PDB file of N, CA and C in Angstrom:
ATOM      1  N   MET A   1       0.853  -1.163   0.000  1.00  0.00           N
ATOM      2  CA  MET A   1       0.000   0.000   0.000  1.00  0.00           C
ATOM      3  C   MET A   1       0.899   1.225   0.000  1.00  0.00           C
ATOM      4  N   GLY A   2       0.660   2.109  -0.936  1.00  0.00           N
ATOM      5  CA  GLY A   2       1.505   3.280  -1.072  1.00  0.00           C
ATOM      6  C   GLY A   2       1.024   4.459  -0.252  1.00  0.00           C
ATOM      7  N   ILE A   3       1.809   5.497  -0.272  1.00  0.00           N
ATOM      8  CA  ILE A   3       1.502   6.704   0.485  1.00  0.00           C
ATOM      9  C   ILE A   3       0.277   7.410  -0.083  1.00  0.00           C
ATOM     10  N   VAL A   4       0.063   7.286  -1.393  1.00  0.00           N
ATOM     11  CA  VAL A   4      -1.089   7.944  -2.018  1.00  0.00           C
ATOM     12  C   VAL A   4      -2.396   7.327  -1.518  1.00  0.00           C
ATOM     13  N   GLU A   5      -2.441   6.008  -1.469  1.00  0.00           N
ATOM     14  CA  GLU A   5      -3.651   5.349  -1.000  1.00  0.00           C
ATOM     15  C   GLU A   5      -3.943   5.695   0.457  1.00  0.00           C
ATOM     16  N   LEU A   6      -2.895   5.691   1.283  1.00  0.00           N
ATOM     17  CA  LEU A   6      -3.088   6.027   2.698  1.00  0.00           C
ATOM     18  C   LEU A   6      -3.558   7.457   2.870  1.00  0.00           C
ATOM     19  N   THR A   7      -2.987   8.370   2.102  1.00  0.00           N
ATOM     20  CA  THR A   7      -3.388   9.774   2.194  1.00  0.00           C
ATOM     21  C   THR A   7      -4.840   9.949   1.774  1.00  0.00           C
ATOM     22  N   LEU A   8      -5.240   9.296   0.687  1.00  0.00           N
ATOM     23  CA  LEU A   8      -6.619   9.408   0.235  1.00  0.00           C
ATOM     24  C   LEU A   8      -7.589   8.806   1.243  1.00  0.00           C
ATOM     25  N   CYS A   9      -7.208   7.690   1.866  1.00  0.00           N
ATOM     26  CA  CYS A   9      -8.066   7.077   2.882  1.00  0.00           C
ATOM     27  C   CYS A   9      -8.205   7.981   4.096  1.00  0.00           C
ATOM     28  N   MET A  10      -7.102   8.553   4.530  1.00  0.00           N
ATOM     29  CA  MET A  10      -7.159   9.436   5.699  1.00  0.00           C
ATOM     30  C   MET A  10      -7.995  10.667   5.396  1.00  0.00           C
ATOM     31  N   LEU A  11      -7.847  11.227   4.206  1.00  0.00           N
ATOM     32  CA  LEU A  11      -8.631  12.397   3.810  1.00  0.00           C
ATOM     33  C   LEU A  11     -10.114  12.047   3.749  1.00  0.00           C
ATOM     34  N   ALA A  12     -10.434  10.902   3.214  1.00  0.00           N
ATOM     35  CA  ALA A  12     -11.832  10.484   3.129  1.00  0.00           C
ATOM     36  C   ALA A  12     -12.430  10.298   4.515  1.00  0.00           C
ATOM     37  N   LEU A  13     -11.686   9.708   5.422  1.00  0.00           N
ATOM     38  CA  LEU A  13     -12.204   9.488   6.776  1.00  0.00           C
ATOM     39  C   LEU A  13     -12.367  10.798   7.536  1.00  0.00           C
ATOM     40  N   VAL A  14     -11.461  11.746   7.335  1.00  0.00           N
ATOM     41  CA  VAL A  14     -11.577  13.034   8.026  1.00  0.00           C
ATOM     42  C   VAL A  14     -12.756  13.829   7.490  1.00  0.00           C
ATOM     43  N   VAL A  15     -12.898  13.869   6.180  1.00  0.00           N
ATOM     44  CA  VAL A  15     -13.962  14.673   5.567  1.00  0.00           C
ATOM     45  C   VAL A  15     -15.337  14.164   5.950  1.00  0.00           C
ATOM     46  N   PHE A  16     -15.519  12.872   5.939  1.00  0.00           N
ATOM     47  CA  PHE A  16     -16.838  12.302   6.183  1.00  0.00           C
ATOM     48  C   PHE A  16     -17.006  11.732   7.592  1.00  0.00           C
ATOM     49  N   SER A  17     -16.125  12.081   8.504  1.00  0.00           N
ATOM     50  CA  SER A  17     -16.177  11.463   9.826  1.00  0.00           C
ATOM     51  C   SER A  17     -17.315  11.988  10.685  1.00  0.00           C
ATOM     52  N   LEU A  18     -17.804  13.165  10.409  1.00  0.00           N
ATOM     53  CA  LEU A  18     -18.821  13.735  11.279  1.00  0.00           C
ATOM     54  C   LEU A  18     -20.190  13.100  11.089  1.00  0.00           C
ATOM     55  N   LYS A  19     -20.799  13.348   9.944  1.00  0.00           N
ATOM     56  CA  LYS A  19     -22.165  12.874   9.748  1.00  0.00           C
ATOM     57  C   LYS A  19     -22.231  11.626   8.867  1.00  0.00           C
ATOM     58  N   PHE A  20     -21.385  11.582   7.881  1.00  0.00           N
ATOM     59  CA  PHE A  20     -21.435  10.496   6.916  1.00  0.00           C
ATOM     60  C   PHE A  20     -20.189   9.619   7.054  1.00  0.00           C
ATOM     61  N   TRP A  21     -19.948   9.079   8.213  1.00  0.00           N
ATOM     62  CA  TRP A  21     -18.756   8.277   8.465  1.00  0.00           C
ATOM     63  C   TRP A  21     -18.717   7.038   7.577  1.00  0.00           C
ATOM     64  N   TRP A  22     -19.877   6.472   7.281  1.00  0.00           N
ATOM     65  CA  TRP A  22     -19.941   5.269   6.474  1.00  0.00           C
ATOM     66  C   TRP A  22     -19.496   5.547   5.042  1.00  0.00           C
ATOM     67  N   LEU A  23     -19.741   6.774   4.565  1.00  0.00           N
ATOM     68  CA  LEU A  23     -19.316   7.137   3.219  1.00  0.00           C
ATOM     69  C   LEU A  23     -17.794   7.241   3.139  1.00  0.00           C
ATOM     70  N   GLY A  24     -17.178   7.725   4.209  1.00  0.00           N
ATOM     71  CA  GLY A  24     -15.721   7.777   4.252  1.00  0.00           C
ATOM     72  C   GLY A  24     -15.115   6.388   4.257  1.00  0.00           C
ATOM     73  N   VAL A  25     -15.735   5.475   4.993  1.00  0.00           N
ATOM     74  CA  VAL A  25     -15.244   4.097   5.015  1.00  0.00           C
ATOM     75  C   VAL A  25     -15.374   3.472   3.630  1.00  0.00           C
ATOM     76  N   MET A  26     -16.490   3.735   2.966  1.00  0.00           N
ATOM     77  CA  MET A  26     -16.686   3.183   1.623  1.00  0.00           C
ATOM     78  C   MET A  26     -15.666   3.753   0.635  1.00  0.00           C
ATOM     79  N   MET A  27     -15.363   5.048   0.747  1.00  0.00           N
ATOM     80  CA  MET A  27     -14.354   5.655  -0.129  1.00  0.00           C
ATOM     81  C   MET A  27     -12.989   5.039   0.119  1.00  0.00           C
ATOM     82  N   CYS A  28     -12.671   4.801   1.381  1.00  0.00           N
ATOM     83  CA  CYS A  28     -11.393   4.196   1.725  1.00  0.00           C
ATOM     84  C   CYS A  28     -11.301   2.783   1.141  1.00  0.00           C
ATOM     85  N   LEU A  29     -12.355   2.003   1.278  1.00  0.00           N
ATOM     86  CA  LEU A  29     -12.359   0.653   0.713  1.00  0.00           C
ATOM     87  C   LEU A  29     -12.268   0.685  -0.803  1.00  0.00           C
ATOM     88  N   LEU A  30     -12.937   1.654  -1.414  1.00  0.00           N
ATOM     89  CA  LEU A  30     -12.888   1.790  -2.866  1.00  0.00           C
ATOM     90  C   LEU A  30     -11.471   2.097  -3.334  1.00  0.00           C
ATOM     91  N   VAL A  31     -10.807   3.014  -2.637  1.00  0.00           N
ATOM     92  CA  VAL A  31      -9.439   3.372  -3.014  1.00  0.00           C
ATOM     93  C   VAL A  31      -8.510   2.180  -2.832  1.00  0.00           C
ATOM     94  N   LEU A  32      -8.674   1.457  -1.740  1.00  0.00           N
ATOM     95  CA  LEU A  32      -7.788   0.322  -1.479  1.00  0.00           C
ATOM     96  C   LEU A  32      -8.047  -0.846  -2.419  1.00  0.00           C
ATOM     97  N   ALA A  33      -9.263  -0.958  -2.954  1.00  0.00           N
ATOM     98  CA  ALA A  33      -9.596  -2.082  -3.829  1.00  0.00           C
ATOM     99  C   ALA A  33      -9.397  -1.751  -5.304  1.00  0.00           C
ATOM    100  N   VAL A  34      -9.776  -0.568  -5.727  1.00  0.00           N
ATOM    101  CA  VAL A  34      -9.774  -0.243  -7.156  1.00  0.00           C
ATOM    102  C   VAL A  34      -8.384   0.110  -7.666  1.00  0.00           C
ATOM    103  N   ILE A  35      -7.623   0.871  -6.917  1.00  0.00           N
ATOM    104  CA  ILE A  35      -6.305   1.280  -7.397  1.00  0.00           C
ATOM    105  C   ILE A  35      -5.390   0.074  -7.622  1.00  0.00           C
ATOM    106  N   PRO A  36      -5.308  -0.891  -6.699  1.00  0.00           N
ATOM    107  CA  PRO A  36      -4.455  -2.047  -7.004  1.00  0.00           C
ATOM    108  C   PRO A  36      -4.922  -2.852  -8.210  1.00  0.00           C
ATOM    109  N   ILE A  37      -6.220  -2.923  -8.454  1.00  0.00           N
ATOM    110  CA  ILE A  37      -6.721  -3.660  -9.620  1.00  0.00           C
ATOM    111  C   ILE A  37      -6.229  -2.999 -10.900  1.00  0.00           C
ATOM    112  N   TRP A  38      -6.306  -1.677 -10.983  1.00  0.00           N
ATOM    113  CA  TRP A  38      -5.860  -0.978 -12.178  1.00  0.00           C
ATOM    114  C   TRP A  38      -4.343  -0.999 -12.304  1.00  0.00           C
ATOM    115  N   VAL A  39      -3.649  -0.915 -11.186  1.00  0.00           N
ATOM    116  CA  VAL A  39      -2.192  -0.862 -11.249  1.00  0.00           C
ATOM    117  C   VAL A  39      -1.596  -2.233 -11.564  1.00  0.00           C
ATOM    118  N   ILE A  40      -2.217  -3.293 -11.078  1.00  0.00           N
ATOM    119  CA  ILE A  40      -1.683  -4.639 -11.275  1.00  0.00           C
ATOM    120  C   ILE A  40      -2.388  -5.370 -12.408  1.00  0.00           C
ATOM    121  N   GLY A  41      -3.715  -5.274 -12.464  1.00  0.00           N
ATOM    122  CA  GLY A  41      -4.498  -6.071 -13.405  1.00  0.00           C
ATOM    123  C   GLY A  41      -4.338  -5.676 -14.853  1.00  0.00           C
ATOM    124  N   VAL A  42      -4.369  -4.399 -15.146  1.00  0.00           N
ATOM    125  CA  VAL A  42      -4.299  -3.955 -16.539  1.00  0.00           C
ATOM    126  C   VAL A  42      -2.956  -4.305 -17.178  1.00  0.00           C
ATOM    127  N   PRO A  43      -1.815  -4.061 -16.515  1.00  0.00           N
ATOM    128  CA  PRO A  43      -0.556  -4.493 -17.145  1.00  0.00           C
ATOM    129  C   PRO A  43      -0.466  -6.005 -17.344  1.00  0.00           C
ATOM    130  N   LEU A  44      -1.067  -6.787 -16.448  1.00  0.00           N
ATOM    131  CA  LEU A  44      -1.049  -8.237 -16.629  1.00  0.00           C
ATOM    132  C   LEU A  44      -1.833  -8.642 -17.867  1.00  0.00           C
ATOM    133  N   LEU A  45      -2.974  -8.012 -18.100  1.00  0.00           N
ATOM    134  CA  LEU A  45      -3.758  -8.315 -19.299  1.00  0.00           C
ATOM    135  C   LEU A  45      -2.989  -7.951 -20.557  1.00  0.00           C
ATOM    136  N   TYR A  46      -2.324  -6.808 -20.529  1.00  0.00           N
ATOM    137  CA  TYR A  46      -1.556  -6.374 -21.691  1.00  0.00           C
ATOM    138  C   TYR A  46      -0.387  -7.318 -21.940  1.00  0.00           C
ATOM    139  N   ARG A  47       0.280  -7.759 -20.869  1.00  0.00           N
ATOM    140  CA  ARG A  47       1.396  -8.683 -21.010  1.00  0.00           C
ATOM    141  C   ARG A  47       0.933 -10.014 -21.586  1.00  0.00           C
ATOM    142  N   ASN A  48      -0.223 -10.503 -21.149  1.00  0.00           N
ATOM    143  CA  ASN A  48      -0.748 -11.761 -21.680  1.00  0.00           C
ATOM    144  C   ASN A  48      -1.032 -11.648 -23.169  1.00  0.00           C
ATOM    145  N   ARG A  49      -1.566 -10.509 -23.600  1.00  0.00           N
ATOM    146  CA  ARG A  49      -1.832 -10.287 -25.025  1.00  0.00           C
ATOM    147  C   ARG A  49      -0.532 -10.310 -25.815  1.00  0.00           C
ATOM    148  N   LEU A  50       0.504  -9.652 -25.307  1.00  0.00           N
ATOM    149  CA  LEU A  50       1.786  -9.632 -26.007  1.00  0.00           C
ATOM    150  C   LEU A  50       2.400 -11.024 -26.090  1.00  0.00           C
ATOM    151  N   GLU A  51       2.296 -11.797 -25.019  1.00  0.00           N
ATOM    152  CA  GLU A  51       2.832 -13.155 -25.036  1.00  0.00           C
ATOM    153  C   GLU A  51       2.088 -14.033 -26.036  1.00  0.00           C
ATOM    154  N   ARG A  52       0.767 -13.872 -26.119  1.00  0.00           N
ATOM    155  CA  ARG A  52      -0.022 -14.672 -27.056  1.00  0.00           C
ATOM    156  C   ARG A  52       0.358 -14.328 -28.500  1.00  0.00           C
ATOM    157  N   VAL A  53       0.529 -13.048 -28.801  1.00  0.00           N
ATOM    158  CA  VAL A  53       0.909 -12.629 -30.152  1.00  0.00           C
ATOM    159  C   VAL A  53       2.301 -13.144 -30.488  1.00  0.00           C
ATOM    160  N   ARG A  54       3.226 -13.060 -29.541  1.00  0.00           N
ATOM    161  CA  ARG A  54       4.588 -13.537 -29.770  1.00  0.00           C
ATOM    162  C   ARG A  54       4.606 -15.044 -30.031  1.00  0.00           C
ATOM    163  N   GLU A  55       3.823 -15.801 -29.264  1.00  0.00           N
ATOM    164  CA  GLU A  55       3.776 -17.254 -29.446  1.00  0.00           C
ATOM    165  C   GLU A  55       3.147 -17.617 -30.787  1.00  0.00           C
ATOM    166  N   ARG A  56       2.057 -16.941 -31.147  1.00  0.00           N
ATOM    167  CA  ARG A  56       1.396 -17.241 -32.427  1.00  0.00           C
ATOM    168  C   ARG A  56       2.301 -16.895 -33.599  1.00  0.00           C
ATOM    169  N   ARG A  57       3.056 -15.803 -33.472  1.00  0.00           N
ATOM    170  CA  ARG A  57       3.956 -15.424 -34.559  1.00  0.00           C
ATOM    171  C   ARG A  57       5.054 -16.478 -34.732  1.00  0.00           C
ATOM    172  N   SER A  58       5.569 -16.997 -33.624  1.00  0.00           N
ATOM    173  CA  SER A  58       6.640 -17.997 -33.724  1.00  0.00           C
ATOM    174  C   SER A  58       6.123 -19.325 -34.282  1.00  0.00           C
ATOM    175  N   LEU A  59       4.838 -19.640 -34.086  1.00  0.00           N
ATOM    176  CA  LEU A  59       4.245 -20.879 -34.596  1.00  0.00           C
ATOM    177  C   LEU A  59       3.599 -20.707 -35.967  1.00  0.00           C
ATOM    178  N   ASN A  60       3.756 -19.529 -36.582  1.00  0.00           N
ATOM    179  CA  ASN A  60       3.177 -19.202 -37.889  1.00  0.00           C
ATOM    180  C   ASN A  60       1.658 -19.356 -37.868  1.00  0.00           C
ATOM    181  N   GLN A  61       1.034 -18.772 -36.862  1.00  0.00           N
ATOM    182  CA  GLN A  61      -0.420 -18.780 -36.750  1.00  0.00           C
ATOM    183  C   GLN A  61      -0.951 -17.370 -36.962  1.00  0.00           C
ATOM    184  N   CYS A  62      -2.243 -17.291 -37.261  1.00  0.00           N
ATOM    185  CA  CYS A  62      -2.897 -15.988 -37.367  1.00  0.00           C
ATOM    186  C   CYS A  62      -2.838 -15.302 -36.010  1.00  0.00           C
ATOM    187  N   LEU A  63      -2.513 -14.012 -36.004  1.00  0.00           N
ATOM    188  CA  LEU A  63      -2.381 -13.293 -34.743  1.00  0.00           C
ATOM    189  C   LEU A  63      -3.725 -13.049 -34.070  1.00  0.00           C
ATOM    190  N   GLU A  64      -4.794 -13.048 -34.837  1.00  0.00           N
ATOM    191  CA  GLU A  64      -6.113 -12.771 -34.271  1.00  0.00           C
ATOM    192  C   GLU A  64      -6.838 -14.021 -33.785  1.00  0.00           C
ATOM    193  N   CYS A  65      -6.887 -15.057 -34.637  1.00  0.00           N
ATOM    194  CA  CYS A  65      -7.706 -16.227 -34.290  1.00  0.00           C
ATOM    195  C   CYS A  65      -6.895 -17.487 -34.003  1.00  0.00           C
ATOM    196  N   GLY A  66      -5.592 -17.503 -34.358  1.00  0.00           N
ATOM    197  CA  GLY A  66      -4.765 -18.669 -34.093  1.00  0.00           C
ATOM    198  C   GLY A  66      -4.791 -19.726 -35.189  1.00  0.00           C
ATOM    199  N   TYR A  67      -5.365 -19.413 -36.336  1.00  0.00           N
ATOM    200  CA  TYR A  67      -5.433 -20.356 -37.452  1.00  0.00           C
ATOM    201  C   TYR A  67      -4.021 -20.671 -37.940  1.00  0.00           C
ATOM    202  N   ASP A  68      -3.750 -21.939 -38.245  1.00  0.00           N
ATOM    203  CA  ASP A  68      -2.436 -22.351 -38.723  1.00  0.00           C
ATOM    204  C   ASP A  68      -2.248 -21.854 -40.153  1.00  0.00           C
ATOM    205  N   ARG A  69      -1.249 -20.998 -40.364  1.00  0.00           N
ATOM    206  CA  ARG A  69      -1.029 -20.374 -41.665  1.00  0.00           C
ATOM    207  C   ARG A  69       0.062 -21.074 -42.478  1.00  0.00           C
ATOM    208  N   LYS A  70       0.398 -22.300 -42.149  1.00  0.00           N
ATOM    209  CA  LYS A  70       1.425 -23.018 -42.923  1.00  0.00           C
ATOM    210  C   LYS A  70       0.928 -23.235 -44.346  1.00  0.00           C
ATOM    211  N   GLY A  71       1.795 -22.943 -45.285  1.00  0.00           N
ATOM    212  CA  GLY A  71       1.444 -23.097 -46.691  1.00  0.00           C
ATOM    213  C   GLY A  71       0.860 -21.839 -47.309  1.00  0.00           C
ATOM    214  N   LEU A  72       0.575 -20.825 -46.513  1.00  0.00           N
ATOM    215  CA  LEU A  72       0.046 -19.560 -47.031  1.00  0.00           C
ATOM    216  C   LEU A  72       1.180 -18.550 -47.174  1.00  0.00           C
ATOM    217  N   HIS A  73       1.037 -17.673 -48.163  1.00  0.00           N
ATOM    218  CA  HIS A  73       1.996 -16.582 -48.294  1.00  0.00           C
ATOM    219  C   HIS A  73       1.794 -15.593 -47.158  1.00  0.00           C
ATOM    220  N   THR A  74       2.843 -14.865 -46.833  1.00  0.00           N
ATOM    221  CA  THR A  74       2.768 -13.939 -45.692  1.00  0.00           C
ATOM    222  C   THR A  74       1.821 -12.770 -45.951  1.00  0.00           C
ATOM    223  N   ASP A  75       1.604 -12.411 -47.230  1.00  0.00           N
ATOM    224  CA  ASP A  75       0.735 -11.268 -47.516  1.00  0.00           C
ATOM    225  C   ASP A  75      -0.728 -11.658 -47.715  1.00  0.00           C
ATOM    226  N   GLU A  76      -1.029 -12.947 -47.695  1.00  0.00           N
ATOM    227  CA  GLU A  76      -2.416 -13.401 -47.844  1.00  0.00           C
ATOM    228  C   GLU A  76      -3.172 -13.205 -46.530  1.00  0.00           C
ATOM    229  N   PRO A  77      -4.472 -12.853 -46.629  1.00  0.00           N
ATOM    230  CA  PRO A  77      -5.264 -12.758 -45.402  1.00  0.00           C
ATOM    231  C   PRO A  77      -5.578 -14.132 -44.823  1.00  0.00           C
ATOM    232  N   CYS A  78      -5.924 -14.159 -43.580  1.00  0.00           N
ATOM    233  CA  CYS A  78      -6.284 -15.410 -42.915  1.00  0.00           C
ATOM    234  C   CYS A  78      -7.596 -15.939 -43.506  1.00  0.00           C
ATOM    235  N   PRO A  79      -7.676 -17.217 -43.880  1.00  0.00           N
ATOM    236  CA  PRO A  79      -8.923 -17.746 -44.433  1.00  0.00           C
ATOM    237  C   PRO A  79     -10.035 -17.844 -43.392  1.00  0.00           C
ATOM    238  N   GLU A  80      -9.695 -17.859 -42.118  1.00  0.00           N
ATOM    239  CA  GLU A  80     -10.682 -17.978 -41.041  1.00  0.00           C
ATOM    240  C   GLU A  80     -11.327 -16.633 -40.725  1.00  0.00           C
ATOM    241  N   CYS A  81     -10.482 -15.596 -40.488  1.00  0.00           N
ATOM    242  CA  CYS A  81     -11.030 -14.316 -39.999  1.00  0.00           C
ATOM    243  C   CYS A  81     -10.699 -13.127 -40.894  1.00  0.00           C
ATOM    244  N   ASP A  82     -10.013 -13.346 -42.007  1.00  0.00           N
ATOM    245  CA  ASP A  82      -9.642 -12.295 -42.978  1.00  0.00           C
ATOM    246  C   ASP A  82      -8.707 -11.234 -42.401  1.00  0.00           C
ATOM    247  N   ALA A  83      -7.999 -11.557 -41.352  1.00  0.00           N
ATOM    248  CA  ALA A  83      -7.026 -10.607 -40.792  1.00  0.00           C
ATOM    249  C   ALA A  83      -5.723 -10.705 -41.568  1.00  0.00           C
ATOM    250  N   ARG A  84      -5.068  -9.578 -41.746  1.00  0.00           N
ATOM    251  CA  ARG A  84      -3.778  -9.554 -42.428  1.00  0.00           C
ATOM    252  C   ARG A  84      -2.680  -9.936 -41.439  1.00  0.00           C
ATOM    253  N   ALA A  85      -1.664 -10.622 -41.936  1.00  0.00           N
ATOM    254  CA  ALA A  85      -0.565 -11.063 -41.063  1.00  0.00           C
ATOM    255  C   ALA A  85       0.332  -9.901 -40.699  1.00  0.00           C
TER     256      ALA A  85
END
């Protein structure tokens, strides 16, 4: 947990501590749950996409659908999904 998350949680609890304390708690939970998902989850999805494209390229498969392109010219579209190589 970084300093930014802690600061935002403390600010949320101070601002809403008087009448709407439950809203401050919800904001704190939101910050602690959503920020790590975006910081960790999105790069993992992007990395998985890059690994899949790299593997398909090395196996001479279509980058979009994975169709085996052996015997096809490199400039021909994929017969399965019409994607260009």
